[in-house]
PDB file of N, CA and C in Angstrom:
ATOM      1  N   MET A   1      -5.269   3.433  19.696  1.00  0.00           N
ATOM      2  CA  MET A   1      -4.451   2.926  18.234  1.00  0.00           C
ATOM      3  C   MET A   1      -3.255   3.578  18.543  1.00  0.00           C
ATOM      4  N   ALA A   2      -2.670   2.436  18.052  1.00  0.00           N
ATOM      5  CA  ALA A   2      -0.760   2.282  17.826  1.00  0.00           C
ATOM      6  C   ALA A   2       0.016   3.321  16.425  1.00  0.00           C
ATOM      7  N   ILE A   3       0.716   3.613  16.632  1.00  0.00           N
ATOM      8  CA  ILE A   3       1.224   4.716  16.012  1.00  0.00           C
ATOM      9  C   ILE A   3       2.911   4.632  15.877  1.00  0.00           C
ATOM     10  N   THR A   4       3.404   4.444  15.277  1.00  0.00           N
ATOM     11  CA  THR A   4       4.281   4.093  15.015  1.00  0.00           C
ATOM     12  C   THR A   4       5.663   5.021  14.199  1.00  0.00           C
ATOM     13  N   ARG A   5       6.276   4.760  14.476  1.00  0.00           N
ATOM     14  CA  ARG A   5       7.717   5.676  14.137  1.00  0.00           C
ATOM     15  C   ARG A   5       7.850   5.637  13.274  1.00  0.00           C
ATOM     16  N   SER A   6       7.913   4.758  11.635  1.00  0.00           N
ATOM     17  CA  SER A   6       8.069   5.637  10.149  1.00  0.00           C
ATOM     18  C   SER A   6       6.926   5.519   9.776  1.00  0.00           C
ATOM     19  N   PHE A   7       5.355   5.694  10.777  1.00  0.00           N
ATOM     20  CA  PHE A   7       5.162   6.287  10.135  1.00  0.00           C
ATOM     21  C   PHE A   7       4.642   7.665  10.147  1.00  0.00           C
ATOM     22  N   ILE A   8       4.847   7.802  10.913  1.00  0.00           N
ATOM     23  CA  ILE A   8       5.439   9.384  11.309  1.00  0.00           C
ATOM     24  C   ILE A   8       6.017  10.221  10.355  1.00  0.00           C
ATOM     25  N   THR A   9       7.209   9.726  10.860  1.00  0.00           N
ATOM     26  CA  THR A   9       8.372  10.100   9.428  1.00  0.00           C
ATOM     27  C   THR A   9       7.762  10.424   8.401  1.00  0.00           C
ATOM     28  N   ARG A  10       6.999   9.601   7.878  1.00  0.00           N
ATOM     29  CA  ARG A  10       6.344   9.422   6.597  1.00  0.00           C
ATOM     30  C   ARG A  10       5.750   9.610   6.405  1.00  0.00           C
ATOM     31  N   ALA A  11       4.963   9.877   7.251  1.00  0.00           N
ATOM     32  CA  ALA A  11       3.603  11.217   6.894  1.00  0.00           C
ATOM     33  C   ALA A  11       4.084  12.291   7.582  1.00  0.00           C
ATOM     34  N   LEU A  12       4.726  12.687   8.289  1.00  0.00           N
ATOM     35  CA  LEU A  12       6.303  13.978   7.889  1.00  0.00           C
ATOM     36  C   LEU A  12       6.916  15.143   7.560  1.00  0.00           C
ATOM     37  N   SER A  13       7.389  13.871   6.228  1.00  0.00           N
ATOM     38  CA  SER A  13       8.242  14.342   5.423  1.00  0.00           C
ATOM     39  C   SER A  13       7.773  14.188   4.230  1.00  0.00           C
ATOM     40  N   HIS A  14       6.419  13.027   3.385  1.00  0.00           N
ATOM     41  CA  HIS A  14       5.969  13.116   2.304  1.00  0.00           C
ATOM     42  C   HIS A  14       4.096  12.559   2.471  1.00  0.00           C
ATOM     43  N   PRO A  15       3.658  13.704   2.761  1.00  0.00           N
ATOM     44  CA  PRO A  15       2.474  13.612   3.638  1.00  0.00           C
ATOM     45  C   PRO A  15       1.381  13.350   2.086  1.00  0.00           C
ATOM     46  N   GLU A  16       2.365  13.140   0.826  1.00  0.00           N
ATOM     47  CA  GLU A  16       1.542  13.226  -0.025  1.00  0.00           C
ATOM     48  C   GLU A  16       0.985  11.451  -0.428  1.00  0.00           C
ATOM     49  N   GLU A  17       1.644  11.007   0.394  1.00  0.00           N
ATOM     50  CA  GLU A  17       2.007  10.255   0.097  1.00  0.00           C
ATOM     51  C   GLU A  17       1.231   8.472   1.384  1.00  0.00           C
ATOM     52  N   THR A  18       1.339   9.372   2.314  1.00  0.00           N
ATOM     53  CA  THR A  18      -0.144   8.819   3.220  1.00  0.00           C
ATOM     54  C   THR A  18      -1.226   9.196   3.011  1.00  0.00           C
ATOM     55  N   SER A  19      -2.281   7.991   3.537  1.00  0.00           N
ATOM     56  CA  SER A  19      -3.400   8.555   3.176  1.00  0.00           C
ATOM     57  C   SER A  19      -4.076   9.117   4.514  1.00  0.00           C
ATOM     58  N   ASN A  20      -4.899   9.899   4.947  1.00  0.00           N
ATOM     59  CA  ASN A  20      -5.417  10.903   5.729  1.00  0.00           C
ATOM     60  C   ASN A  20      -5.946  10.390   7.192  1.00  0.00           C
ATOM     61  N   THR A  21      -6.599   9.940   7.879  1.00  0.00           N
ATOM     62  CA  THR A  21      -7.516   9.461   8.032  1.00  0.00           C
ATOM     63  C   THR A  21      -8.145   9.857   8.815  1.00  0.00           C
ATOM     64  N   ASN A  22      -9.558  10.418   9.835  1.00  0.00           N
ATOM     65  CA  ASN A  22      -9.155  11.398  11.125  1.00  0.00           C
ATOM     66  C   ASN A  22      -8.460  11.412  11.349  1.00  0.00           C
ATOM     67  N   THR A  23      -8.074  12.844  11.425  1.00  0.00           N
ATOM     68  CA  THR A  23      -6.937  13.314  12.291  1.00  0.00           C
ATOM     69  C   THR A  23      -7.976  14.896  12.508  1.00  0.00           C
ATOM     70  N   VAL A  24      -8.364  14.618  14.011  1.00  0.00           N
ATOM     71  CA  VAL A  24      -8.375  15.148  14.990  1.00  0.00           C
ATOM     72  C   VAL A  24      -7.991  16.194  15.778  1.00  0.00           C
ATOM     73  N   THR A  25      -8.463  18.009  16.127  1.00  0.00           N
ATOM     74  CA  THR A  25      -7.595  18.887  17.009  1.00  0.00           C
ATOM     75  C   THR A  25      -8.408  17.785  18.228  1.00  0.00           C
ATOM     76  N   LYS A  26      -7.193  18.888  19.665  1.00  0.00           N
ATOM     77  CA  LYS A  26      -7.386  17.965  20.820  1.00  0.00           C
ATOM     78  C   LYS A  26      -8.851  18.062  21.076  1.00  0.00           C
ATOM     79  N   LYS A  27      -9.936  19.282  21.204  1.00  0.00           N
ATOM     80  CA  LYS A  27     -10.957  19.668  20.632  1.00  0.00           C
ATOM     81  C   LYS A  27     -12.383  18.551  19.963  1.00  0.00           C
ATOM     82  N   HIS A  28     -11.529  17.696  18.718  1.00  0.00           N
ATOM     83  CA  HIS A  28     -12.021  16.430  18.217  1.00  0.00           C
ATOM     84  C   HIS A  28     -13.028  16.630  17.255  1.00  0.00           C
ATOM     85  N   ASN A  29     -12.277  18.491  16.206  1.00  0.00           N
ATOM     86  CA  ASN A  29     -12.261  19.031  15.506  1.00  0.00           C
ATOM     87  C   ASN A  29     -11.860  18.237  14.312  1.00  0.00           C
ATOM     88  N   LEU A  30     -12.582  17.651  13.072  1.00  0.00           N
ATOM     89  CA  LEU A  30     -11.584  17.320  11.370  1.00  0.00           C
ATOM     90  C   LEU A  30     -11.102  17.891  11.661  1.00  0.00           C
ATOM     91  N   LEU A  31      -9.535  17.068  11.399  1.00  0.00           N
ATOM     92  CA  LEU A  31      -9.321  18.587  10.421  1.00  0.00           C
ATOM     93  C   LEU A  31      -8.660  18.046   8.377  1.00  0.00           C
ATOM     94  N   THR A  32      -8.526  18.635   7.744  1.00  0.00           N
ATOM     95  CA  THR A  32      -8.543  18.483   6.476  1.00  0.00           C
ATOM     96  C   THR A  32      -7.139  19.351   5.430  1.00  0.00           C
ATOM     97  N   GLU A  33      -6.643  20.093   6.095  1.00  0.00           N
ATOM     98  CA  GLU A  33      -5.629  20.621   5.308  1.00  0.00           C
ATOM     99  C   GLU A  33      -4.503  20.407   5.801  1.00  0.00           C
ATOM    100  N   SER A  34      -3.189  19.558   4.327  1.00  0.00           N
ATOM    101  CA  SER A  34      -1.910  19.251   4.989  1.00  0.00           C
ATOM    102  C   SER A  34      -1.213  19.666   6.308  1.00  0.00           C
ATOM    103  N   ASP A  35      -1.577  21.171   5.786  1.00  0.00           N
ATOM    104  CA  ASP A  35      -0.658  22.098   7.424  1.00  0.00           C
ATOM    105  C   ASP A  35      -1.152  21.894   8.624  1.00  0.00           C
ATOM    106  N   GLN A  36      -2.144  21.877   8.462  1.00  0.00           N
ATOM    107  CA  GLN A  36      -3.158  21.445   9.569  1.00  0.00           C
ATOM    108  C   GLN A  36      -2.993  20.641  10.026  1.00  0.00           C
ATOM    109  N   ILE A  37      -2.782  19.356   9.446  1.00  0.00           N
ATOM    110  CA  ILE A  37      -2.967  17.931  10.235  1.00  0.00           C
ATOM    111  C   ILE A  37      -1.363  18.179  10.463  1.00  0.00           C
ATOM    112  N   ARG A  38      -0.405  17.934   9.021  1.00  0.00           N
ATOM    113  CA  ARG A  38       0.629  18.125  10.017  1.00  0.00           C
ATOM    114  C   ARG A  38       1.397  18.680  11.759  1.00  0.00           C
ATOM    115  N   GLN A  39       0.792  20.083  11.929  1.00  0.00           N
ATOM    116  CA  GLN A  39       1.009  20.590  13.117  1.00  0.00           C
ATOM    117  C   GLN A  39       0.289  20.187  13.912  1.00  0.00           C
ATOM    118  N   ARG A  40      -0.886  18.827  13.575  1.00  0.00           N
ATOM    119  CA  ARG A  40      -0.944  18.529  15.268  1.00  0.00           C
ATOM    120  C   ARG A  40      -0.441  17.483  15.663  1.00  0.00           C
ATOM    121  N   TRP A  41       0.423  16.818  14.201  1.00  0.00           N
ATOM    122  CA  TRP A  41       0.672  16.309  14.082  1.00  0.00           C
ATOM    123  C   TRP A  41       2.278  16.099  15.444  1.00  0.00           C
ATOM    124  N   LYS A  42       2.388  17.360  15.184  1.00  0.00           N
ATOM    125  CA  LYS A  42       3.768  17.853  15.431  1.00  0.00           C
ATOM    126  C   LYS A  42       3.352  18.031  16.960  1.00  0.00           C
ATOM    127  N   GLU A  43       2.363  18.476  17.097  1.00  0.00           N
ATOM    128  CA  GLU A  43       2.236  18.949  18.952  1.00  0.00           C
ATOM    129  C   GLU A  43       1.765  17.806  19.628  1.00  0.00           C
ATOM    130  N   TYR A  44       0.804  16.532  18.656  1.00  0.00           N
ATOM    131  CA  TYR A  44       1.139  15.201  19.797  1.00  0.00           C
ATOM    132  C   TYR A  44       2.265  14.834  20.047  1.00  0.00           C
ATOM    133  N   ILE A  45       3.144  14.951  19.272  1.00  0.00           N
ATOM    134  CA  ILE A  45       4.737  14.544  19.204  1.00  0.00           C
ATOM    135  C   ILE A  45       5.199  15.338  20.846  1.00  0.00           C
ATOM    136  N   GLU A  46       5.051  16.559  20.967  1.00  0.00           N
ATOM    137  CA  GLU A  46       5.873  17.105  21.404  1.00  0.00           C
ATOM    138  C   GLU A  46       5.091  16.390  22.947  1.00  0.00           C
ATOM    139  N   ASP A  47       3.680  17.145  23.349  1.00  0.00           N
ATOM    140  CA  ASP A  47       2.842  16.559  24.338  1.00  0.00           C
ATOM    141  C   ASP A  47       3.880  15.006  24.670  1.00  0.00           C
ATOM    142  N   LEU A  48       3.796  14.212  24.016  1.00  0.00           N
ATOM    143  CA  LEU A  48       3.765  12.630  24.141  1.00  0.00           C
ATOM    144  C   LEU A  48       5.544  12.768  25.117  1.00  0.00           C
ATOM    145  N   TYR A  49       6.110  13.855  24.644  1.00  0.00           N
ATOM    146  CA  TYR A  49       7.256  13.519  25.243  1.00  0.00           C
ATOM    147  C   TYR A  49       7.280  14.561  25.821  1.00  0.00           C
ATOM    148  N   ASN A  50       6.396  15.385  26.427  1.00  0.00           N
ATOM    149  CA  ASN A  50       7.286  16.475  27.374  1.00  0.00           C
ATOM    150  C   ASN A  50       5.882  16.285  28.847  1.00  0.00           C
ATOM    151  N   LYS A  51       5.453  14.437  29.215  1.00  0.00           N
ATOM    152  CA  LYS A  51       4.798  14.602  29.952  1.00  0.00           C
ATOM    153  C   LYS A  51       5.926  14.498  31.288  1.00  0.00           C
ATOM    154  N   LYS A  52       5.064  14.644  32.876  1.00  0.00           N
ATOM    155  CA  LYS A  52       5.815  14.277  34.056  1.00  0.00           C
ATOM    156  C   LYS A  52       6.645  13.681  33.841  1.00  0.00           C
ATOM    157  N   GLY A  53       7.591  13.050  35.047  1.00  0.00           N
ATOM    158  CA  GLY A  53       8.392  12.202  34.987  1.00  0.00           C
ATOM    159  C   GLY A  53       9.306  12.032  34.004  1.00  0.00           C
ATOM    160  N   LYS A  54       9.617  13.077  33.097  1.00  0.00           N
ATOM    161  CA  LYS A  54      10.797  13.208  31.749  1.00  0.00           C
ATOM    162  C   LYS A  54      11.652  13.296  32.845  1.00  0.00           C
ATOM    163  N   PRO A  55      13.295  12.789  32.378  1.00  0.00           N
ATOM    164  CA  PRO A  55      14.142  12.738  32.860  1.00  0.00           C
ATOM    165  C   PRO A  55      15.120  14.724  32.960  1.00  0.00           C
ATOM    166  N   LYS A  56      15.837  14.856  33.425  1.00  0.00           N
ATOM    167  CA  LYS A  56      16.479  15.445  33.650  1.00  0.00           C
ATOM    168  C   LYS A  56      17.446  15.855  32.211  1.00  0.00           C
ATOM    169  N   LYS A  57      18.464  16.576  31.929  1.00  0.00           N
ATOM    170  CA  LYS A  57      19.570  16.676  31.112  1.00  0.00           C
ATOM    171  C   LYS A  57      20.459  15.569  32.384  1.00  0.00           C
ATOM    172  N   ALA A  58      20.762  14.994  31.839  1.00  0.00           N
ATOM    173  CA  ALA A  58      21.840  13.707  32.832  1.00  0.00           C
ATOM    174  C   ALA A  58      23.741  14.245  32.789  1.00  0.00           C
ATOM    175  N   GLU A  59      24.125  14.136  33.851  1.00  0.00           N
ATOM    176  CA  GLU A  59      25.346  15.094  33.716  1.00  0.00           C
ATOM    177  C   GLU A  59      26.190  14.440  33.775  1.00  0.00           C
ATOM    178  N   VAL A  60      27.303  14.442  32.808  1.00  0.00           N
ATOM    179  CA  VAL A  60      28.499  13.419  32.086  1.00  0.00           C
ATOM    180  C   VAL A  60      29.278  14.154  32.128  1.00  0.00           C
ATOM    181  N   SER A  61      30.344  12.683  33.251  1.00  0.00           N
ATOM    182  CA  SER A  61      31.371  13.112  32.954  1.00  0.00           C
ATOM    183  C   SER A  61      32.496  12.390  32.690  1.00  0.00           C
ATOM    184  N   LEU A  62      33.701  12.968  32.522  1.00  0.00           N
ATOM    185  CA  LEU A  62      34.931  11.843  31.353  1.00  0.00           C
ATOM    186  C   LEU A  62      35.308  11.256  32.620  1.00  0.00           C
ATOM    187  N   GLU A  63      35.350  10.469  32.410  1.00  0.00           N
ATOM    188  CA  GLU A  63      35.978   8.779  33.514  1.00  0.00           C
ATOM    189  C   GLU A  63      37.098   8.827  34.618  1.00  0.00           C
ATOM    190  N   SER A  64      38.931   9.915  33.525  1.00  0.00           N
ATOM    191  CA  SER A  64      39.359  10.288  34.068  1.00  0.00           C
ATOM    192  C   SER A  64      39.321  11.450  35.538  1.00  0.00           C
ATOM    193  N   ASP A  65      37.820  12.313  35.174  1.00  0.00           N
ATOM    194  CA  ASP A  65      37.542  13.458  35.991  1.00  0.00           C
ATOM    195  C   ASP A  65      36.820  12.501  37.032  1.00  0.00           C
ATOM    196  N   VAL A  66      36.310  11.582  37.020  1.00  0.00           N
ATOM    197  CA  VAL A  66      35.433  10.680  38.007  1.00  0.00           C
ATOM    198  C   VAL A  66      37.147   9.452  39.014  1.00  0.00           C
ATOM    199  N   SER A  67      36.877   9.144  40.691  1.00  0.00           N
ATOM    200  CA  SER A  67      37.129   8.840  41.818  1.00  0.00           C
ATOM    201  C   SER A  67      36.621   7.277  40.991  1.00  0.00           C
ATOM    202  N   GLU A  68      37.828   6.454  40.860  1.00  0.00           N
ATOM    203  CA  GLU A  68      37.831   5.292  41.081  1.00  0.00           C
ATOM    204  C   GLU A  68      36.950   4.622  41.982  1.00  0.00           C
ATOM    205  N   ASN A  69      36.657   4.616  42.810  1.00  0.00           N
ATOM    206  CA  ASN A  69      35.349   4.150  43.809  1.00  0.00           C
ATOM    207  C   ASN A  69      34.059   4.311  42.895  1.00  0.00           C
ATOM    208  N   CYS A  70      34.096   5.882  42.567  1.00  0.00           N
ATOM    209  CA  CYS A  70      32.621   5.467  41.656  1.00  0.00           C
ATOM    210  C   CYS A  70      32.169   5.735  40.523  1.00  0.00           C
ATOM    211  N   ARG A  71      33.892   5.183  39.910  1.00  0.00           N
ATOM    212  CA  ARG A  71      32.952   4.168  37.873  1.00  0.00           C
ATOM    213  C   ARG A  71      32.107   3.178  38.612  1.00  0.00           C
ATOM    214  N   GLY A  72      31.578   3.197  37.235  1.00  0.00           N
ATOM    215  CA  GLY A  72      30.838   1.350  37.143  1.00  0.00           C
ATOM    216  C   GLY A  72      31.793   0.565  36.624  1.00  0.00           C
ATOM    217  N   PRO A  73      31.036  -0.696  36.238  1.00  0.00           N
ATOM    218  CA  PRO A  73      31.704  -1.827  35.546  1.00  0.00           C
ATOM    219  C   PRO A  73      32.526  -1.646  34.271  1.00  0.00           C
ATOM    220  N   GLU A  74      33.572  -2.526  34.077  1.00  0.00           N
ATOM    221  CA  GLU A  74      33.841  -2.370  32.508  1.00  0.00           C
ATOM    222  C   GLU A  74      33.752  -2.619  31.692  1.00  0.00           C
ATOM    223  N   LEU A  75      33.673  -2.457  30.732  1.00  0.00           N
ATOM    224  CA  LEU A  75      32.282  -3.310  29.694  1.00  0.00           C
ATOM    225  C   LEU A  75      33.740  -3.906  29.269  1.00  0.00           C
ATOM    226  N   LEU A  76      33.477  -4.428  28.676  1.00  0.00           N
ATOM    227  CA  LEU A  76      33.888  -6.134  27.831  1.00  0.00           C
ATOM    228  C   LEU A  76      33.994  -5.297  26.923  1.00  0.00           C
ATOM    229  N   TYR A  77      35.007  -5.496  25.787  1.00  0.00           N
ATOM    230  CA  TYR A  77      34.869  -4.881  24.277  1.00  0.00           C
ATOM    231  C   TYR A  77      34.645  -6.059  23.549  1.00  0.00           C
ATOM    232  N   SER A  78      34.591  -7.309  23.695  1.00  0.00           N
ATOM    233  CA  SER A  78      33.804  -8.233  22.885  1.00  0.00           C
ATOM    234  C   SER A  78      32.220  -8.145  23.192  1.00  0.00           C
ATOM    235  N   LEU A  79      31.413  -7.699  24.100  1.00  0.00           N
ATOM    236  CA  LEU A  79      30.014  -7.493  24.450  1.00  0.00           C
ATOM    237  C   LEU A  79      29.865  -5.656  23.786  1.00  0.00           C
ATOM    238  N   VAL A  80      30.673  -4.849  23.982  1.00  0.00           N
ATOM    239  CA  VAL A  80      30.172  -4.002  23.414  1.00  0.00           C
ATOM    240  C   VAL A  80      30.165  -3.684  21.153  1.00  0.00           C
ATOM    241  N   SER A  81      31.234  -4.662  21.313  1.00  0.00           N
ATOM    242  CA  SER A  81      31.349  -4.915  19.976  1.00  0.00           C
ATOM    243  C   SER A  81      30.235  -5.955  19.455  1.00  0.00           C
ATOM    244  N   SER A  82      29.809  -7.153  19.843  1.00  0.00           N
ATOM    245  CA  SER A  82      28.891  -7.675  19.265  1.00  0.00           C
ATOM    246  C   SER A  82      27.491  -7.095  19.253  1.00  0.00           C
ATOM    247  N   LYS A  83      27.368  -7.759  18.365  1.00  0.00           N
ATOM    248  CA  LYS A  83      25.246  -7.903  18.690  1.00  0.00           C
ATOM    249  C   LYS A  83      24.377  -9.066  19.133  1.00  0.00           C
ATOM    250  N   LYS A  84      25.375  -9.689  19.670  1.00  0.00           N
ATOM    251  CA  LYS A  84      24.449 -10.797  20.502  1.00  0.00           C
ATOM    252  C   LYS A  84      23.854 -11.103  21.975  1.00  0.00           C
ATOM    253  N   HIS A  85      24.364  -9.672  22.418  1.00  0.00           N
ATOM    254  CA  HIS A  85      23.869  -9.235  23.731  1.00  0.00           C
ATOM    255  C   HIS A  85      22.110  -8.881  23.293  1.00  0.00           C
ATOM    256  N   CYS A  86      22.085  -8.367  22.145  1.00  0.00           N
ATOM    257  CA  CYS A  86      20.693  -6.910  21.346  1.00  0.00           C
ATOM    258  C   CYS A  86      19.892  -7.430  20.520  1.00  0.00           C
ATOM    259  N   GLN A  87      20.134  -9.477  21.009  1.00  0.00           N
ATOM    260  CA  GLN A  87      19.027 -10.009  19.676  1.00  0.00           C
ATOM    261  C   GLN A  87      18.055 -10.773  20.668  1.00  0.00           C
ATOM    262  N   SER A  88      16.933 -10.378  21.257  1.00  0.00           N
ATOM    263  CA  SER A  88      15.806 -11.451  22.033  1.00  0.00           C
ATOM    264  C   SER A  88      15.203 -12.673  21.240  1.00  0.00           C
TER     265      SER A  88
END
């Protein structure tokens, strides 16, 4: 079952506006109370994003602190400011 980000956001912020069908616990018990359902969604999202292989915190350095040989390519302002490179 595909769950969209907007559905989850709407369900957590406005539970009275969403119809809820078949929300179950990890042990497949049906949940009927709004607070229980919200808590289950919270657990589901936390489990989803806490999988093995998740990237660690990235080390970020100021460009002035990195030697010139270790810097990546310069970005053209025109590419960054235009949305053409993001369109599919």
